N, C-alpha and C. Protein backbone atom coordinates (compact mmCIF):
# COMPACT_ATOMS: atom_id res chain seq x y z
N UNK A 1 -43.93 -51.45 -23.99
CA UNK A 1 -43.42 -50.95 -22.73
C UNK A 1 -41.99 -50.44 -22.91
N UNK A 2 -41.18 -51.17 -23.71
CA UNK A 2 -39.81 -50.72 -23.93
C UNK A 2 -39.80 -49.36 -24.61
N UNK A 3 -40.75 -49.14 -25.53
CA UNK A 3 -40.82 -47.85 -26.21
C UNK A 3 -41.18 -46.74 -25.23
N UNK A 4 -42.05 -47.05 -24.27
CA UNK A 4 -42.47 -46.06 -23.29
C UNK A 4 -41.30 -45.69 -22.37
N UNK A 5 -40.51 -46.69 -21.92
CA UNK A 5 -39.37 -46.43 -21.04
C UNK A 5 -38.30 -45.65 -21.81
N UNK A 6 -38.01 -46.08 -23.05
CA UNK A 6 -37.02 -45.39 -23.86
C UNK A 6 -37.44 -43.94 -24.11
N UNK A 7 -38.70 -43.73 -24.39
CA UNK A 7 -39.23 -42.39 -24.61
C UNK A 7 -39.12 -41.53 -23.36
N UNK A 8 -39.40 -42.13 -22.20
CA UNK A 8 -39.31 -41.41 -20.93
C UNK A 8 -37.87 -41.02 -20.62
N UNK A 9 -36.93 -41.94 -20.90
CA UNK A 9 -35.52 -41.66 -20.66
C UNK A 9 -35.05 -40.55 -21.59
N UNK A 10 -35.46 -40.57 -22.83
CA UNK A 10 -35.07 -39.54 -23.80
C UNK A 10 -35.59 -38.17 -23.36
N UNK A 11 -36.85 -38.13 -22.91
CA UNK A 11 -37.43 -36.87 -22.44
C UNK A 11 -36.69 -36.38 -21.21
N UNK A 12 -36.38 -37.28 -20.29
CA UNK A 12 -35.66 -36.92 -19.07
C UNK A 12 -34.26 -36.39 -19.42
N UNK A 13 -33.58 -37.03 -20.37
CA UNK A 13 -32.25 -36.58 -20.78
C UNK A 13 -32.31 -35.18 -21.39
N UNK A 14 -33.30 -34.91 -22.19
CA UNK A 14 -33.46 -33.60 -22.79
C UNK A 14 -33.72 -32.54 -21.72
N UNK A 15 -34.54 -32.88 -20.75
CA UNK A 15 -34.84 -31.94 -19.65
C UNK A 15 -33.57 -31.65 -18.85
N UNK A 16 -32.79 -32.71 -18.52
CA UNK A 16 -31.57 -32.53 -17.75
C UNK A 16 -30.54 -31.69 -18.52
N UNK A 17 -30.40 -31.95 -19.81
CA UNK A 17 -29.48 -31.14 -20.61
C UNK A 17 -29.92 -29.69 -20.66
N UNK A 18 -31.20 -29.49 -20.80
CA UNK A 18 -31.73 -28.12 -20.81
C UNK A 18 -31.47 -27.41 -19.50
N UNK A 19 -31.65 -28.13 -18.38
CA UNK A 19 -31.37 -27.55 -17.07
C UNK A 19 -29.88 -27.25 -16.91
N UNK A 20 -29.04 -28.15 -17.41
CA UNK A 20 -27.61 -27.96 -17.29
C UNK A 20 -27.16 -26.69 -18.01
N UNK A 21 -27.62 -26.48 -19.22
CA UNK A 21 -27.19 -25.32 -19.99
C UNK A 21 -27.82 -24.02 -19.52
N UNK A 22 -28.99 -24.08 -18.93
CA UNK A 22 -29.60 -22.85 -18.43
C UNK A 22 -29.08 -22.51 -17.03
N UNK A 23 -28.60 -23.50 -16.27
CA UNK A 23 -28.11 -23.26 -14.92
C UNK A 23 -26.69 -22.70 -14.93
N UNK A 24 -25.91 -22.98 -15.95
CA UNK A 24 -24.53 -22.50 -16.02
C UNK A 24 -24.51 -21.10 -16.62
N UNK A 25 -23.98 -20.14 -15.89
CA UNK A 25 -23.91 -18.80 -16.45
C UNK A 25 -22.88 -18.77 -17.60
N UNK A 26 -23.23 -18.09 -18.61
CA UNK A 26 -22.30 -17.95 -19.73
C UNK A 26 -21.48 -16.70 -19.49
N UNK A 27 -20.18 -16.76 -19.80
CA UNK A 27 -19.35 -15.58 -19.59
C UNK A 27 -19.82 -14.43 -20.48
N UNK A 28 -19.72 -13.24 -19.92
CA UNK A 28 -20.09 -12.04 -20.67
C UNK A 28 -18.99 -11.76 -21.69
N UNK A 29 -19.29 -11.86 -22.98
CA UNK A 29 -18.24 -11.67 -23.98
C UNK A 29 -17.72 -10.23 -24.04
N UNK A 30 -18.43 -9.29 -23.40
CA UNK A 30 -17.98 -7.90 -23.44
C UNK A 30 -17.02 -7.56 -22.30
N UNK A 31 -16.89 -8.45 -21.28
CA UNK A 31 -15.97 -8.21 -20.17
C UNK A 31 -14.56 -8.53 -20.62
N UNK A 32 -13.66 -7.56 -20.46
CA UNK A 32 -12.28 -7.73 -20.90
C UNK A 32 -11.34 -7.77 -19.69
N UNK A 33 -10.18 -8.34 -19.92
CA UNK A 33 -9.14 -8.37 -18.91
C UNK A 33 -8.15 -7.24 -19.22
N UNK A 34 -7.75 -6.52 -18.17
CA UNK A 34 -6.83 -5.40 -18.33
C UNK A 34 -5.59 -5.61 -17.47
N UNK A 35 -4.51 -4.90 -17.82
CA UNK A 35 -3.22 -5.03 -17.16
C UNK A 35 -3.10 -4.07 -15.98
N UNK A 36 -2.46 -4.56 -14.91
CA UNK A 36 -2.17 -3.74 -13.73
C UNK A 36 -0.65 -3.67 -13.60
N UNK A 37 -0.11 -2.46 -13.63
CA UNK A 37 1.33 -2.23 -13.50
C UNK A 37 1.61 -1.65 -12.13
N UNK A 38 2.65 -2.15 -11.45
CA UNK A 38 3.05 -1.61 -10.15
C UNK A 38 4.11 -0.54 -10.36
N UNK A 39 3.93 0.59 -9.71
CA UNK A 39 4.95 1.64 -9.73
C UNK A 39 6.13 1.19 -8.87
N UNK A 40 7.32 1.61 -9.24
CA UNK A 40 8.51 1.33 -8.44
C UNK A 40 8.60 2.39 -7.35
N UNK A 41 8.67 1.94 -6.11
CA UNK A 41 8.67 2.87 -4.98
C UNK A 41 9.87 2.63 -4.08
N UNK A 42 10.31 3.67 -3.41
CA UNK A 42 11.36 3.55 -2.39
C UNK A 42 10.71 3.30 -1.05
N UNK A 43 11.39 2.59 -0.19
CA UNK A 43 10.99 2.37 1.21
C UNK A 43 9.79 1.48 1.39
N UNK A 44 9.48 0.66 0.38
CA UNK A 44 8.39 -0.28 0.50
C UNK A 44 8.11 -0.98 -0.80
N UNK A 45 7.17 -1.92 -0.76
CA UNK A 45 6.84 -2.71 -1.94
C UNK A 45 5.33 -2.89 -2.04
N UNK A 46 4.81 -2.79 -3.26
CA UNK A 46 3.40 -3.03 -3.52
C UNK A 46 3.18 -4.48 -3.93
N UNK A 47 2.06 -5.03 -3.50
CA UNK A 47 1.68 -6.38 -3.89
C UNK A 47 0.29 -6.29 -4.49
N UNK A 48 0.17 -6.61 -5.79
CA UNK A 48 -1.11 -6.54 -6.50
C UNK A 48 -1.02 -7.50 -7.69
N UNK A 49 -2.14 -8.08 -8.08
CA UNK A 49 -2.10 -8.98 -9.23
C UNK A 49 -1.78 -8.20 -10.50
N UNK A 50 -1.37 -8.90 -11.56
CA UNK A 50 -0.93 -8.24 -12.78
C UNK A 50 -2.04 -8.02 -13.80
N UNK A 51 -3.18 -8.69 -13.63
CA UNK A 51 -4.32 -8.53 -14.55
C UNK A 51 -5.62 -8.71 -13.78
N UNK A 52 -6.68 -8.08 -14.30
CA UNK A 52 -8.00 -8.24 -13.69
C UNK A 52 -9.07 -7.94 -14.73
N UNK A 53 -10.24 -8.55 -14.54
CA UNK A 53 -11.37 -8.28 -15.41
C UNK A 53 -12.03 -6.97 -15.03
N UNK A 54 -12.57 -6.29 -16.02
CA UNK A 54 -13.31 -5.06 -15.76
C UNK A 54 -14.40 -5.34 -14.73
N UNK A 55 -14.49 -4.49 -13.72
CA UNK A 55 -15.51 -4.64 -12.68
C UNK A 55 -15.08 -5.49 -11.50
N UNK A 56 -13.91 -6.16 -11.59
CA UNK A 56 -13.44 -7.01 -10.50
C UNK A 56 -12.93 -6.15 -9.35
N UNK A 57 -13.06 -6.66 -8.13
CA UNK A 57 -12.50 -6.01 -6.94
C UNK A 57 -11.04 -6.43 -6.84
N UNK A 58 -10.12 -5.49 -6.84
CA UNK A 58 -8.69 -5.78 -6.84
C UNK A 58 -8.09 -5.33 -5.50
N UNK A 59 -7.38 -6.25 -4.85
CA UNK A 59 -6.74 -5.96 -3.56
C UNK A 59 -5.32 -5.44 -3.79
N UNK A 60 -4.97 -4.36 -3.09
CA UNK A 60 -3.61 -3.82 -3.08
C UNK A 60 -3.08 -4.01 -1.67
N UNK A 61 -1.87 -4.52 -1.55
CA UNK A 61 -1.19 -4.60 -0.25
C UNK A 61 0.16 -3.95 -0.38
N UNK A 62 0.69 -3.49 0.73
CA UNK A 62 2.03 -2.90 0.73
C UNK A 62 2.76 -3.33 1.98
N UNK A 63 4.03 -3.61 1.81
CA UNK A 63 4.92 -3.80 2.95
C UNK A 63 5.90 -2.64 2.92
N UNK A 64 6.25 -2.15 4.09
CA UNK A 64 7.10 -0.96 4.17
C UNK A 64 8.40 -1.26 4.90
N UNK A 65 9.43 -0.47 4.59
CA UNK A 65 10.71 -0.58 5.27
C UNK A 65 10.56 -0.10 6.71
N UNK A 66 11.53 -0.47 7.54
CA UNK A 66 11.52 0.00 8.93
C UNK A 66 11.41 1.52 8.97
N UNK A 67 10.68 2.02 9.93
CA UNK A 67 10.50 3.45 10.18
C UNK A 67 9.64 4.17 9.14
N UNK A 68 8.91 3.42 8.30
CA UNK A 68 8.02 4.03 7.30
C UNK A 68 6.61 3.49 7.49
N UNK A 69 5.63 4.21 6.93
CA UNK A 69 4.24 3.79 6.96
C UNK A 69 3.60 4.16 5.62
N UNK A 70 2.45 3.55 5.32
CA UNK A 70 1.73 3.85 4.08
C UNK A 70 0.88 5.09 4.30
N UNK A 71 1.14 6.14 3.51
CA UNK A 71 0.31 7.34 3.58
C UNK A 71 -0.91 7.20 2.69
N UNK A 72 -0.72 6.65 1.48
CA UNK A 72 -1.84 6.52 0.55
C UNK A 72 -1.51 5.55 -0.58
N UNK A 73 -2.57 5.11 -1.26
CA UNK A 73 -2.45 4.33 -2.49
C UNK A 73 -3.05 5.18 -3.61
N UNK A 74 -2.50 5.06 -4.80
CA UNK A 74 -3.04 5.76 -5.96
C UNK A 74 -3.18 4.76 -7.11
N UNK A 75 -4.29 4.86 -7.83
CA UNK A 75 -4.50 4.05 -9.03
C UNK A 75 -4.89 5.01 -10.15
N UNK A 76 -4.17 4.94 -11.28
CA UNK A 76 -4.47 5.80 -12.42
C UNK A 76 -4.53 4.96 -13.69
N UNK A 77 -5.38 5.39 -14.60
CA UNK A 77 -5.49 4.71 -15.90
C UNK A 77 -4.36 5.20 -16.80
N UNK A 78 -4.21 4.52 -17.93
CA UNK A 78 -3.17 4.90 -18.89
C UNK A 78 -3.38 6.33 -19.41
N UNK A 79 -4.64 6.78 -19.42
CA UNK A 79 -4.93 8.14 -19.88
C UNK A 79 -4.76 9.19 -18.77
N UNK A 80 -4.42 8.74 -17.54
CA UNK A 80 -4.18 9.66 -16.44
C UNK A 80 -5.36 9.88 -15.51
N UNK A 81 -6.49 9.22 -15.78
CA UNK A 81 -7.65 9.37 -14.89
C UNK A 81 -7.41 8.63 -13.58
N UNK A 82 -7.81 9.27 -12.48
CA UNK A 82 -7.67 8.63 -11.16
C UNK A 82 -8.83 7.66 -10.93
N UNK A 83 -8.50 6.52 -10.34
CA UNK A 83 -9.48 5.50 -9.99
C UNK A 83 -9.68 5.56 -8.48
N UNK A 84 -10.92 5.52 -8.04
CA UNK A 84 -11.22 5.59 -6.60
C UNK A 84 -10.68 4.35 -5.89
N UNK A 85 -9.97 4.60 -4.78
CA UNK A 85 -9.42 3.53 -3.95
C UNK A 85 -10.15 3.55 -2.62
N UNK A 86 -10.63 2.39 -2.19
CA UNK A 86 -11.33 2.29 -0.90
C UNK A 86 -10.37 2.65 0.22
N UNK A 87 -10.90 3.15 1.32
CA UNK A 87 -10.08 3.49 2.48
C UNK A 87 -9.22 2.30 2.86
N UNK A 88 -7.95 2.55 3.17
CA UNK A 88 -7.08 1.42 3.44
C UNK A 88 -7.05 1.06 4.91
N UNK A 89 -6.63 -0.17 5.15
CA UNK A 89 -6.51 -0.71 6.49
C UNK A 89 -5.04 -0.88 6.80
N UNK A 90 -4.59 -0.33 7.91
CA UNK A 90 -3.19 -0.48 8.29
C UNK A 90 -2.97 -1.84 8.91
N UNK A 91 -1.82 -2.43 8.60
CA UNK A 91 -1.40 -3.69 9.20
C UNK A 91 -0.06 -3.46 9.87
N UNK A 92 0.42 -4.45 10.59
CA UNK A 92 1.71 -4.29 11.26
C UNK A 92 2.84 -4.10 10.24
N UNK A 93 2.73 -4.77 9.10
CA UNK A 93 3.80 -4.71 8.09
C UNK A 93 3.58 -3.62 7.05
N UNK A 94 2.38 -3.02 6.99
CA UNK A 94 2.09 -2.03 5.96
C UNK A 94 0.63 -1.66 5.94
N UNK A 95 -0.03 -1.90 4.80
CA UNK A 95 -1.45 -1.56 4.67
C UNK A 95 -2.03 -2.29 3.47
N UNK A 96 -3.38 -2.29 3.38
CA UNK A 96 -4.06 -2.87 2.23
C UNK A 96 -5.29 -2.04 1.91
N UNK A 97 -5.71 -2.09 0.65
CA UNK A 97 -6.90 -1.38 0.18
C UNK A 97 -7.38 -2.10 -1.07
N UNK A 98 -8.47 -1.62 -1.66
CA UNK A 98 -8.97 -2.24 -2.88
C UNK A 98 -9.55 -1.18 -3.80
N UNK A 99 -9.72 -1.57 -5.07
CA UNK A 99 -10.36 -0.71 -6.05
C UNK A 99 -11.11 -1.59 -7.04
N UNK A 100 -12.05 -1.00 -7.76
CA UNK A 100 -12.78 -1.71 -8.80
C UNK A 100 -12.08 -1.48 -10.12
N UNK A 101 -11.75 -2.58 -10.80
CA UNK A 101 -10.99 -2.49 -12.05
C UNK A 101 -11.82 -1.80 -13.12
N UNK A 102 -11.30 -0.69 -13.66
CA UNK A 102 -12.01 0.01 -14.74
C UNK A 102 -11.78 -0.71 -16.08
N UNK A 103 -12.40 -0.20 -17.11
CA UNK A 103 -12.22 -0.75 -18.46
C UNK A 103 -10.98 -0.10 -19.08
N UNK A 104 -9.84 -0.26 -18.41
CA UNK A 104 -8.59 0.33 -18.89
C UNK A 104 -7.43 -0.30 -18.13
N UNK A 105 -6.24 -0.24 -18.72
CA UNK A 105 -5.02 -0.63 -18.01
C UNK A 105 -4.75 0.42 -16.94
N UNK A 106 -4.20 -0.01 -15.81
CA UNK A 106 -3.94 0.91 -14.71
C UNK A 106 -2.54 0.75 -14.17
N UNK A 107 -2.08 1.79 -13.47
CA UNK A 107 -0.84 1.75 -12.70
C UNK A 107 -1.20 1.99 -11.24
N UNK A 108 -0.67 1.14 -10.37
CA UNK A 108 -0.91 1.25 -8.93
C UNK A 108 0.36 1.80 -8.29
N UNK A 109 0.20 2.85 -7.48
CA UNK A 109 1.32 3.45 -6.77
C UNK A 109 0.96 3.69 -5.32
N UNK A 110 1.88 4.22 -4.60
CA UNK A 110 1.64 4.52 -3.20
C UNK A 110 2.61 5.57 -2.71
N UNK A 111 2.31 6.12 -1.56
CA UNK A 111 3.18 7.08 -0.91
C UNK A 111 3.51 6.53 0.47
N UNK A 112 4.80 6.43 0.76
CA UNK A 112 5.24 5.95 2.05
C UNK A 112 5.86 7.11 2.81
N UNK A 113 5.41 7.31 4.04
CA UNK A 113 5.92 8.41 4.85
C UNK A 113 6.85 7.90 5.94
N UNK A 114 7.71 8.77 6.41
CA UNK A 114 8.63 8.46 7.49
C UNK A 114 7.90 8.62 8.82
N UNK A 115 7.99 7.60 9.66
CA UNK A 115 7.36 7.67 10.98
C UNK A 115 8.04 8.74 11.82
N UNK A 116 7.29 9.31 12.76
CA UNK A 116 7.88 10.25 13.72
C UNK A 116 8.88 9.48 14.58
N UNK A 117 10.01 10.08 14.80
CA UNK A 117 11.06 9.43 15.58
C UNK A 117 11.11 10.02 16.97
N UNK A 118 11.40 9.18 17.94
CA UNK A 118 11.50 9.64 19.33
C UNK A 118 12.89 10.19 19.57
N UNK A 119 12.98 11.19 20.42
CA UNK A 119 14.26 11.81 20.72
C UNK A 119 14.34 12.08 22.22
N UNK A 120 15.46 11.72 22.80
CA UNK A 120 15.72 12.03 24.20
C UNK A 120 16.92 12.97 24.24
N UNK A 121 16.76 14.10 24.92
CA UNK A 121 17.86 15.07 24.98
C UNK A 121 18.17 15.43 26.42
N UNK A 122 19.38 15.87 26.59
CA UNK A 122 19.80 16.35 27.90
C UNK A 122 20.83 17.43 27.66
N UNK A 123 20.55 18.64 28.08
CA UNK A 123 21.48 19.76 27.93
C UNK A 123 21.85 20.25 29.32
N UNK A 124 23.14 20.21 29.62
CA UNK A 124 23.62 20.64 30.93
C UNK A 124 24.69 21.69 30.69
N UNK A 125 24.74 22.81 31.29
CA UNK A 125 23.73 23.33 32.20
C UNK A 125 22.46 23.70 31.44
N UNK A 126 21.38 23.78 32.17
CA UNK A 126 20.10 24.07 31.55
C UNK A 126 20.02 25.53 31.14
N UNK A 127 19.17 25.79 30.19
CA UNK A 127 18.93 27.17 29.74
C UNK A 127 19.90 27.60 28.65
N UNK A 128 19.39 28.37 27.73
CA UNK A 128 20.24 28.97 26.72
C UNK A 128 20.48 28.12 25.49
N UNK A 129 20.06 26.88 25.46
CA UNK A 129 20.30 26.02 24.30
C UNK A 129 19.02 25.65 23.60
N UNK A 130 19.13 25.37 22.32
CA UNK A 130 17.97 24.92 21.56
C UNK A 130 18.34 23.70 20.74
N UNK A 131 17.37 22.88 20.52
CA UNK A 131 17.53 21.72 19.67
C UNK A 131 16.32 21.69 18.76
N UNK A 132 16.54 21.81 17.45
CA UNK A 132 15.47 21.84 16.48
C UNK A 132 15.53 20.57 15.63
N UNK A 133 14.42 19.87 15.52
CA UNK A 133 14.40 18.61 14.77
C UNK A 133 13.28 18.60 13.75
N UNK A 134 13.55 17.94 12.66
CA UNK A 134 12.50 17.59 11.71
C UNK A 134 12.71 16.11 11.41
N UNK A 135 11.93 15.57 10.49
CA UNK A 135 12.09 14.16 10.17
C UNK A 135 13.40 13.89 9.43
N UNK A 136 14.02 14.91 8.88
CA UNK A 136 15.22 14.68 8.09
C UNK A 136 16.46 15.41 8.60
N UNK A 137 16.31 16.36 9.50
CA UNK A 137 17.47 17.11 9.96
C UNK A 137 17.42 17.35 11.47
N UNK A 138 18.59 17.58 12.03
CA UNK A 138 18.70 17.96 13.44
C UNK A 138 19.66 19.14 13.51
N UNK A 139 19.30 20.15 14.26
CA UNK A 139 20.14 21.34 14.39
C UNK A 139 20.21 21.70 15.88
N UNK A 140 21.42 21.87 16.38
CA UNK A 140 21.58 22.24 17.77
C UNK A 140 22.35 23.55 17.83
N UNK A 141 21.86 24.46 18.65
CA UNK A 141 22.61 25.71 18.85
C UNK A 141 22.62 26.01 20.34
N UNK A 142 23.66 26.71 20.76
CA UNK A 142 23.80 27.03 22.17
C UNK A 142 24.24 28.48 22.28
N UNK A 143 23.48 29.25 23.01
CA UNK A 143 23.80 30.67 23.23
C UNK A 143 23.94 30.90 24.73
N UNK A 144 25.10 30.52 25.31
CA UNK A 144 25.24 30.71 26.76
C UNK A 144 25.42 32.19 27.11
N UNK A 145 25.10 32.50 28.33
CA UNK A 145 25.36 33.87 28.80
C UNK A 145 26.88 34.02 28.95
N UNK A 146 27.34 35.24 29.08
CA UNK A 146 28.78 35.50 29.15
C UNK A 146 29.43 34.80 30.35
N UNK A 147 28.68 34.59 31.39
CA UNK A 147 29.27 33.99 32.59
C UNK A 147 29.19 32.46 32.58
N UNK A 148 28.60 31.89 31.54
CA UNK A 148 28.45 30.43 31.50
C UNK A 148 29.48 29.83 30.56
N UNK A 149 30.13 28.81 31.01
CA UNK A 149 31.07 28.09 30.14
C UNK A 149 30.39 26.79 29.72
N UNK A 150 30.56 26.45 28.47
CA UNK A 150 29.94 25.23 27.96
C UNK A 150 31.03 24.30 27.47
N UNK A 151 30.98 23.09 27.93
CA UNK A 151 31.88 22.05 27.45
C UNK A 151 31.03 20.94 26.85
N UNK A 152 31.30 20.61 25.61
CA UNK A 152 30.60 19.50 24.97
C UNK A 152 31.57 18.34 24.98
N UNK A 153 31.22 17.30 25.71
CA UNK A 153 32.10 16.14 25.80
C UNK A 153 31.93 15.22 24.59
N UNK A 154 30.72 15.08 24.13
CA UNK A 154 30.51 14.24 22.95
C UNK A 154 29.20 14.64 22.29
N UNK A 155 29.13 14.36 21.03
CA UNK A 155 27.91 14.64 20.26
C UNK A 155 27.68 13.46 19.34
N UNK A 156 26.55 12.82 19.48
CA UNK A 156 26.21 11.66 18.66
C UNK A 156 24.90 11.96 17.94
N UNK A 157 24.89 11.72 16.64
CA UNK A 157 23.68 11.89 15.83
C UNK A 157 23.27 10.54 15.29
N UNK A 158 22.03 10.17 15.53
CA UNK A 158 21.53 8.89 15.04
C UNK A 158 20.46 9.15 13.99
N UNK A 159 20.58 8.46 12.89
CA UNK A 159 19.55 8.50 11.86
C UNK A 159 19.07 7.08 11.66
N UNK A 160 18.13 6.91 10.77
CA UNK A 160 17.56 5.59 10.54
C UNK A 160 18.66 4.62 10.12
N UNK A 161 18.88 3.61 10.94
CA UNK A 161 19.83 2.57 10.62
C UNK A 161 21.28 2.95 10.74
N UNK A 162 21.59 4.14 11.26
CA UNK A 162 22.99 4.59 11.29
C UNK A 162 23.19 5.52 12.49
N UNK A 163 24.33 5.35 13.16
CA UNK A 163 24.69 6.25 14.26
C UNK A 163 26.08 6.79 13.98
N UNK A 164 26.23 8.09 14.13
CA UNK A 164 27.52 8.74 13.90
C UNK A 164 27.92 9.52 15.13
N UNK A 165 29.12 9.24 15.63
CA UNK A 165 29.65 10.02 16.76
C UNK A 165 30.48 11.14 16.15
N UNK A 166 30.08 12.38 16.40
CA UNK A 166 30.75 13.52 15.82
C UNK A 166 32.08 13.77 16.53
N UNK A 167 32.07 13.79 17.84
CA UNK A 167 33.30 13.93 18.61
C UNK A 167 33.04 13.44 20.00
């Protein structure tokens, strides 16, 4: 009887060991880990891991400076090939997106755009004046009629984070 119990335990142990080794996936020896480099950008910061396995889903996040937004993310391999980036999701602080890690080292970059700025103007007397604005410049001109006198009491120009009183 002891031989029968010992034999049964031995068979059970062999079965359990066999199940253990067949149930555990073995790592694919052909899958390699590659490096992810972040590009240095103005007006924001990229957040991405520094390494990933080929085929892994990699998350990119960005935080942006005040008055900026994320226009796009770019991922390129060391040879210059573009890697497809999933459509990004905007967040209050920036944006996030993902890409599938290719079998190559990559550089992750982004483009940050300047938000449209609000402007309130008042020109008195009305008529004859123009104010032209872009995201980076402001130009004011006044062409009064001969019978109109124009007095400018003050002129203040505000840019991102800075206000300058001209006179």
